[in-house]
Protein backbone atom coordinates (compact mmCIF):
# COMPACT_ATOMS: atom_id res chain seq x y z
CA MET A 1 16.32 76.54 6.53
CA LEU A 2 14.35 76.80 9.76
CA ASP A 3 15.55 74.85 12.75
CA GLU A 4 13.27 71.83 13.23
CA ARG A 5 12.90 72.83 16.89
CA VAL A 6 10.91 75.91 15.85
CA PRO A 7 7.21 75.00 16.34
CA PRO A 8 5.20 74.98 13.06
CA ASN A 9 2.49 77.30 14.40
CA GLU A 10 2.80 80.30 12.10
CA THR A 11 -0.15 82.58 11.33
CA THR A 12 -0.44 84.58 8.11
CA VAL A 13 -2.68 87.66 8.12
CA PRO A 14 -3.51 89.38 4.80
CA LEU A 15 -2.94 93.13 4.64
CA LEU A 16 -5.35 94.52 2.06
CA PRO A 17 -5.57 97.97 0.42
CA CYS A 18 -8.53 100.06 1.50
CA VAL A 19 -10.06 103.00 -0.39
CA ALA A 20 -13.30 103.17 1.62
CA PRO A 21 -12.69 102.89 5.38
CA GLU A 22 -16.21 103.67 6.63
CA GLU A 23 -17.83 101.36 4.09
CA THR A 24 -15.34 98.61 4.96
CA LEU A 25 -16.09 98.91 8.68
CA ALA A 26 -19.84 98.79 8.07
CA PHE A 27 -19.63 95.87 5.64
CA TRP A 28 -17.56 93.48 7.73
CA ARG A 29 -19.51 94.35 10.87
CA ALA A 30 -22.70 93.51 8.97
CA LEU A 31 -21.25 90.10 8.05
CA GLY A 32 -20.50 89.32 11.71
CA PHE A 33 -16.82 90.24 11.93
CA ALA A 34 -15.51 91.92 15.07
CA VAL A 35 -13.41 95.06 14.69
CA THR A 36 -10.22 94.25 16.60
CA TYR A 37 -8.36 97.45 15.68
CA GLU A 38 -9.47 100.76 14.19
CA GLN A 39 -7.27 103.72 13.39
CA GLN A 40 -7.68 106.30 10.64
CA LYS A 41 -5.15 108.98 11.70
CA PRO A 42 -2.26 109.60 11.31
CA TYR A 43 -2.47 106.52 9.05
CA LEU A 44 -5.19 104.02 8.26
CA TYR A 45 -5.19 100.59 9.86
CA LEU A 46 -8.27 98.39 10.30
CA ALA A 47 -8.40 94.81 11.61
CA PHE A 48 -11.32 92.39 11.59
CA GLN A 49 -11.78 88.87 12.92
CA LEU A 50 -14.39 86.15 12.61
CA ARG A 51 -13.38 82.94 14.39
CA GLY A 52 -9.98 82.09 12.85
CA ILE A 53 -10.33 84.52 9.92
CA GLN A 54 -8.37 87.77 10.16
CA LEU A 55 -8.46 90.61 7.64
CA HIS A 56 -6.27 93.69 8.04
CA TYR A 57 -6.40 96.86 5.93
CA LYS A 58 -4.10 99.76 5.18
CA ARG A 59 -4.71 102.82 3.01
CA ALA A 60 -4.48 102.03 -0.68
CA ALA A 61 -2.04 103.77 -2.99
CA ALA A 62 -3.46 106.79 -4.77
CA TRP A 63 -3.60 105.00 -8.13
CA VAL A 64 -5.71 102.08 -6.83
CA GLN A 65 -9.25 102.02 -8.21
CA PRO A 66 -11.74 99.39 -6.95
CA THR A 67 -13.84 99.42 -10.11
CA ASP A 68 -11.81 96.63 -11.71
CA ASP A 69 -12.57 94.22 -8.85
CA ASN A 70 -8.90 93.27 -8.64
CA THR A 71 -7.50 95.60 -6.01
CA GLY A 72 -6.14 92.72 -3.92
CA GLY A 73 -7.38 89.68 -2.08
CA CYS A 74 -6.72 86.53 -0.15
CA LEU A 75 -7.76 82.89 0.11
CA VAL A 76 -9.63 81.50 3.12
CA MET A 77 -9.35 77.70 3.34
CA VAL A 78 -12.24 76.02 5.17
CA ASP A 79 -13.59 72.50 5.64
CA ALA A 80 -16.91 73.34 3.94
CA VAL A 81 -17.88 76.58 2.21
CA ALA A 82 -21.69 76.26 2.30
CA PRO A 83 -22.13 77.30 5.98
CA TYR A 84 -20.08 80.47 5.46
CA HIS A 85 -22.01 81.48 2.36
CA ALA A 86 -25.33 80.84 4.11
CA ALA A 87 -24.27 82.91 7.13
CA PHE A 88 -23.09 85.85 5.00
CA VAL A 89 -26.21 85.80 2.84
CA ALA A 90 -28.42 85.79 5.95
CA ALA A 91 -26.42 88.69 7.42
CA MET A 92 -26.77 90.71 4.21
CA ARG A 93 -30.51 90.18 4.14
CA ALA A 94 -30.78 91.23 7.79
CA THR A 95 -28.70 94.39 7.30
CA TYR A 96 -29.35 95.45 3.72
CA GLY A 97 -32.70 93.79 3.06
CA LYS A 98 -31.24 91.84 0.13
CA VAL A 99 -28.28 89.79 -1.01
CA LEU A 100 -25.59 92.08 -2.44
CA ALA A 101 -25.02 90.45 -5.85
CA LYS A 102 -23.82 93.38 -7.99
CA GLY A 103 -21.34 96.19 -7.66
CA LEU A 104 -19.25 96.61 -4.52
CA PRO A 105 -19.48 95.09 -2.02
CA ARG A 106 -21.05 91.81 -3.14
CA ILE A 107 -21.03 88.03 -2.80
CA THR A 108 -20.98 85.53 -5.65
CA ARG A 109 -23.70 82.93 -6.16
CA TYR A 110 -23.40 79.51 -4.54
CA ARG A 111 -24.77 76.21 -5.85
CA ALA A 112 -25.09 72.98 -3.94
CA GLY A 113 -21.81 71.09 -4.17
CA ALA A 114 -19.69 74.09 -5.20
CA SER A 115 -16.25 74.28 -3.63
CA ARG A 116 -15.74 78.06 -3.47
CA PHE A 117 -17.34 81.48 -3.43
CA THR A 118 -16.03 85.03 -3.32
CA VAL A 119 -16.81 88.08 -1.22
CA MET A 120 -15.87 91.39 -2.82
CA ASP A 121 -15.29 94.10 -0.23
CA PRO A 122 -16.02 97.83 -0.78
CA SER A 123 -12.47 98.39 -2.07
CA GLY A 124 -12.59 95.65 -4.72
CA ASN A 125 -10.57 93.06 -2.81
CA GLN A 126 -11.54 89.42 -3.43
CA ILE A 127 -11.89 87.27 -0.31
CA ILE A 128 -12.17 83.76 -1.76
CA PHE A 129 -13.51 80.98 0.46
CA ILE A 130 -12.22 77.60 -0.76
CA GLN A 131 -12.99 74.10 0.44
CA ARG A 132 -9.82 72.29 1.45
CA ASP A 133 -10.63 69.19 -0.59
CA GLU A 134 -11.44 71.15 -3.75
CA PRO A 135 -10.46 69.08 -6.80
CA ASP A 136 -7.96 70.31 -9.36
CA VAL A 137 -9.36 72.47 -12.15
CA GLU A 138 -8.93 71.65 -15.84
CA TYR A 139 -9.54 74.81 -17.84
CA GLY A 140 -11.57 74.02 -20.92
CA GLY A 141 -13.44 71.31 -19.02
CA SER A 142 -12.34 67.91 -17.79
CA LYS A 143 -10.68 65.81 -20.49
CA GLN A 144 -12.43 62.79 -19.03
CA LEU A 145 -15.76 64.22 -20.25
CA GLN A 146 -17.10 64.50 -23.77
CA GLY A 147 -19.66 66.58 -25.63
CA LEU A 148 -22.06 68.73 -23.66
CA ALA A 149 -20.86 67.26 -20.35
CA ARG A 150 -17.43 68.77 -20.95
CA VAL A 151 -18.98 72.08 -21.99
CA LEU A 152 -20.94 72.13 -18.71
CA ASP A 153 -17.74 71.55 -16.76
CA ASN A 154 -15.98 74.32 -18.64
CA ALA A 155 -18.87 76.72 -18.00
CA ARG A 156 -18.71 75.86 -14.29
CA ILE A 157 -15.04 76.84 -14.23
CA LEU A 158 -15.65 80.08 -16.11
CA ARG A 159 -18.51 80.96 -13.75
CA GLU A 160 -17.10 79.91 -10.39
CA PHE A 161 -13.34 80.30 -10.82
CA LYS A 162 -13.03 83.10 -13.40
CA HIS A 163 -16.23 84.97 -12.40
CA ASP A 164 -16.94 85.44 -16.12
CA ASP A 165 -20.70 84.99 -16.51
CA LEU A 166 -20.68 86.17 -20.13
CA ALA A 167 -18.00 83.68 -21.18
CA ALA A 168 -19.88 80.90 -19.36
CA PHE A 169 -23.12 81.82 -21.13
CA ARG A 170 -21.44 81.86 -24.52
CA ALA A 171 -19.74 78.52 -23.88
CA LEU A 172 -23.09 76.92 -23.01
CA GLN A 173 -24.79 78.55 -25.99
CA SER A 174 -22.15 77.18 -28.35
CA GLY A 175 -22.16 73.79 -26.61
CA LEU A 176 -25.92 73.40 -26.98
CA ARG A 177 -25.69 74.31 -30.65
CA ARG A 178 -23.00 71.68 -31.25
CA HIS A 179 -24.10 68.88 -28.92
CA GLY A 180 -27.71 69.57 -27.93
CA ALA A 181 -29.27 67.25 -30.49
CA THR A 182 -27.41 64.20 -29.20
CA ALA A 183 -26.90 65.07 -25.51
CA PRO A 184 -29.03 63.37 -22.82
CA ALA A 185 -32.05 65.38 -21.69
CA VAL A 186 -30.58 65.97 -18.24
CA GLU A 187 -27.43 67.55 -19.71
CA GLN A 188 -29.57 69.77 -21.92
CA GLY A 189 -31.58 70.71 -18.82
CA LEU A 190 -28.44 71.56 -16.86
CA ALA A 191 -27.19 73.77 -19.66
CA LEU A 192 -30.51 75.55 -20.12
CA ALA A 193 -30.97 76.08 -16.38
CA SER A 194 -27.49 77.54 -16.09
CA MET A 195 -28.13 79.82 -19.06
CA LEU A 196 -31.38 81.04 -17.52
CA GLU A 197 -29.52 81.96 -14.34
CA LEU A 198 -26.69 83.61 -16.25
CA ALA A 199 -29.06 85.55 -18.50
CA THR A 200 -30.79 86.89 -15.40
CA ALA A 201 -27.45 87.89 -13.84
CA LEU A 202 -26.34 89.52 -17.10
CA GLU A 203 -29.65 91.40 -17.32
CA GLU A 204 -30.57 89.88 -20.68
CA PRO A 205 -34.28 89.17 -20.16
CA ASP A 206 -35.04 88.93 -23.88
CA VAL A 207 -33.38 85.50 -24.17
CA VAL A 208 -35.14 84.02 -21.13
CA PRO A 209 -38.46 82.99 -22.77
CA ALA A 210 -36.76 81.01 -25.54
CA LEU A 211 -34.48 79.23 -23.08
CA GLY A 212 -37.39 78.50 -20.78
CA ALA A 213 -39.47 77.12 -23.64
CA ARG A 214 -36.67 74.68 -24.52
CA LEU A 215 -36.38 73.61 -20.90
CA ARG A 216 -40.13 73.03 -20.68
CA GLU A 217 -40.00 70.65 -23.66
CA LEU A 218 -37.58 68.22 -21.95
CA THR A 219 -38.74 64.99 -20.35
CA LEU A 220 -36.93 64.51 -17.05
CA THR A 221 -37.14 61.89 -14.32
CA PRO A 222 -37.59 63.09 -10.71
CA GLU A 223 -33.87 62.57 -10.05
CA GLU A 224 -32.92 64.44 -13.23
CA ARG A 225 -35.24 67.27 -12.24
CA ARG A 226 -33.45 67.53 -8.88
CA ARG A 227 -30.09 67.67 -10.67
CA VAL A 228 -31.29 70.46 -12.92
CA GLU A 229 -32.67 72.40 -9.95
CA SER A 230 -29.31 72.09 -8.20
CA ALA A 231 -27.61 73.74 -11.19
CA VAL A 232 -28.80 77.17 -10.05
CA ALA A 233 -28.39 79.02 -6.79
CA ASP A 234 -32.13 79.76 -6.54
CA PRO A 235 -34.25 76.84 -7.87
CA SER A 236 -37.39 79.02 -7.82
CA LEU A 237 -35.92 80.77 -10.86
CA LEU A 238 -36.86 77.65 -12.85
CA ASP A 239 -40.44 77.31 -11.59
CA PRO A 240 -42.05 78.90 -14.67
CA TRP A 241 -40.10 76.65 -17.01
CA LEU A 242 -39.15 73.34 -15.44
CA PRO A 243 -41.48 70.56 -16.60
CA PRO A 244 -43.19 68.38 -14.00
CA PRO A 245 -41.50 65.05 -13.17
CA ALA A 246 -42.16 62.29 -15.71
């Protein structure tokens, strides 16, 4: 056991595998990180820093393939995740002309009130930004909720924690089939809005018109409309479908 006289001021720095040095340098520079060390021969070592965040890289083993998006990763604990996501999205738009949402590298979507998001680097490492006060997760949805409300919570977990858009879509589809007839209009709206976003991300445009038509039929108060809009990262996605406030 450590002597109590040893100051508790340790720093942990993740050492991540890298299969694409030049792409990694360009990507983190684009997001505003400073390169604090760069060496590629006789061995690879890269170091980046943004404020208190440090990311170090070494050459990956020969068998490592980034295509599975699970090469390695680390957690970054912050007071609030929204400012970091906004800064990275703005940097991507400035450098790449768009938000990198598919392939490698990329950043996951962020919704108002979410407690985490993930940056995937060019080597398939997951850098997960997590809010320090993030509540505990109950897989399957919170047991304190019932019906469609619980399905919505489960879909949120599948989408934001498991990064499984297809599973989230299917959960919502099944939940609407089972509970849609009796669920409040706002819960139906939240489910349909989420499915519209997921269908777009999954490149399934054929299902969008039917989902949008169901959303358009709902009667929502102004506050309910705002809740439904907050269910997606880009509320303009709902403009063709969301009914006007009651």
